Amino acid sequence: MRVFLSRIALITAIAGGALAGIAGPAHATSTYCAGLKAQYTSDLNMYLKYNTLRLTSTDPGMRLFYGSLASRYFTSYQQGLAAYQATC
């Protein structure tokens, strides 16, 4: 649930930044940038964790499960990094 709520907050912040960019030049605050960086860093760490578990697991079902989680976190990492690079 915590991850889901943080995703909603991240999407809301990105959408708010996009709307502010339409209205005029957006100046990202340092706390906003720090939050984005913390989120995409966390997503990268979770990707590395689940990818390592996927590679070391011997059970095919668990490999599939860990692989799907790793893929999900990698996608979140890419989106967070793109948002960070675009706004900060």
Protein backbone atom coordinates (compact mmCIF):
# COMPACT_ATOMS: atom_id res chain seq x y z
CA MET A 1 0.00 0.00 0.00
CA ARG A 2 2.87 2.36 0.82
CA VAL A 3 4.41 1.89 -2.62
CA PHE A 4 1.02 2.49 -4.26
CA LEU A 5 0.52 5.77 -2.37
CA SER A 6 4.02 6.97 -3.20
CA ARG A 7 3.32 6.28 -6.90
CA ILE A 8 0.15 8.39 -6.70
CA ALA A 9 2.12 11.19 -5.05
CA LEU A 10 4.82 10.97 -7.72
CA ILE A 11 2.30 11.01 -10.58
CA THR A 12 0.48 13.95 -9.00
CA ALA A 13 3.73 15.85 -8.57
CA ILE A 14 4.75 15.20 -12.18
CA ALA A 15 1.33 16.23 -13.49
CA GLY A 16 1.47 19.38 -11.35
CA GLY A 17 4.90 20.17 -12.73
CA ALA A 18 3.66 19.65 -16.28
CA LEU A 19 0.75 22.02 -15.71
CA ALA A 20 3.07 24.59 -14.18
CA GLY A 21 5.31 24.23 -17.22
CA ILE A 22 2.38 25.08 -19.49
CA ALA A 23 1.62 28.21 -17.46
CA GLY A 24 5.21 29.42 -17.46
CA PRO A 25 8.77 28.39 -16.75
CA ALA A 26 8.85 25.81 -13.97
CA HIS A 27 11.44 26.08 -11.24
CA ALA A 28 11.72 22.82 -9.38
CA THR A 29 12.26 23.18 -5.67
CA SER A 30 15.12 21.40 -3.98
CA THR A 31 12.73 19.35 -1.82
CA TYR A 32 10.79 18.25 -4.91
CA CYS A 33 14.01 17.21 -6.65
CA ALA A 34 15.26 15.45 -3.52
CA GLY A 35 11.99 13.52 -3.31
CA LEU A 36 12.19 12.47 -6.95
CA LYS A 37 15.79 11.38 -6.54
CA ALA A 38 15.00 9.42 -3.37
CA GLN A 39 12.11 7.66 -5.11
CA TYR A 40 13.99 6.64 -8.23
CA THR A 41 16.99 5.56 -6.14
CA SER A 42 14.69 3.41 -4.02
CA ASP A 43 13.18 1.90 -7.17
CA LEU A 44 16.66 1.12 -8.50
CA ASN A 45 17.63 -0.60 -5.24
CA MET A 46 14.45 -2.67 -5.28
CA TYR A 47 15.08 -3.62 -8.92
CA LEU A 48 18.60 -4.77 -8.05
CA LYS A 49 17.28 -6.76 -5.07
CA TYR A 50 14.59 -8.60 -7.03
CA ASN A 51 16.79 -9.14 -10.07
CA THR A 52 19.44 -10.73 -7.84
CA LEU A 53 16.79 -12.95 -6.26
CA ARG A 54 15.56 -13.88 -9.74
CA LEU A 55 19.04 -14.84 -10.86
CA THR A 56 19.83 -16.91 -7.76
CA SER A 57 16.47 -18.67 -7.36
CA THR A 58 16.24 -22.30 -8.38
CA ASP A 59 12.43 -22.50 -8.38
CA PRO A 60 11.01 -21.53 -11.81
CA GLY A 61 7.84 -20.08 -10.26
CA MET A 62 9.81 -17.84 -7.93
CA ARG A 63 12.11 -16.80 -10.79
CA LEU A 64 9.03 -15.65 -12.71
CA PHE A 65 7.64 -13.85 -9.65
CA TYR A 66 10.92 -12.07 -8.88
CA GLY A 67 11.36 -11.24 -12.55
CA SER A 68 7.96 -9.56 -12.73
CA LEU A 69 8.72 -7.51 -9.61
CA ALA A 70 12.13 -6.55 -10.98
CA SER A 71 10.55 -5.46 -14.25
CA ARG A 72 7.97 -3.36 -12.42
CA TYR A 73 10.60 -1.60 -10.31
CA PHE A 74 12.86 -1.04 -13.33
CA THR A 75 10.00 0.65 -15.18
CA SER A 76 9.33 2.86 -12.15
CA TYR A 77 13.03 3.67 -11.94
CA GLN A 78 13.15 4.71 -15.60
CA GLN A 79 10.08 6.92 -15.24
CA GLY A 80 11.40 8.54 -12.06
CA LEU A 81 14.81 9.18 -13.59
CA ALA A 82 13.21 10.72 -16.69
CA ALA A 83 11.05 12.98 -14.51
CA TYR A 84 14.08 14.00 -12.46
CA GLN A 85 16.17 14.78 -15.54
CA ALA A 86 13.33 16.74 -17.13
CA THR A 87 12.56 18.94 -14.12
CA CYS A 88 15.70 19.23 -11.99
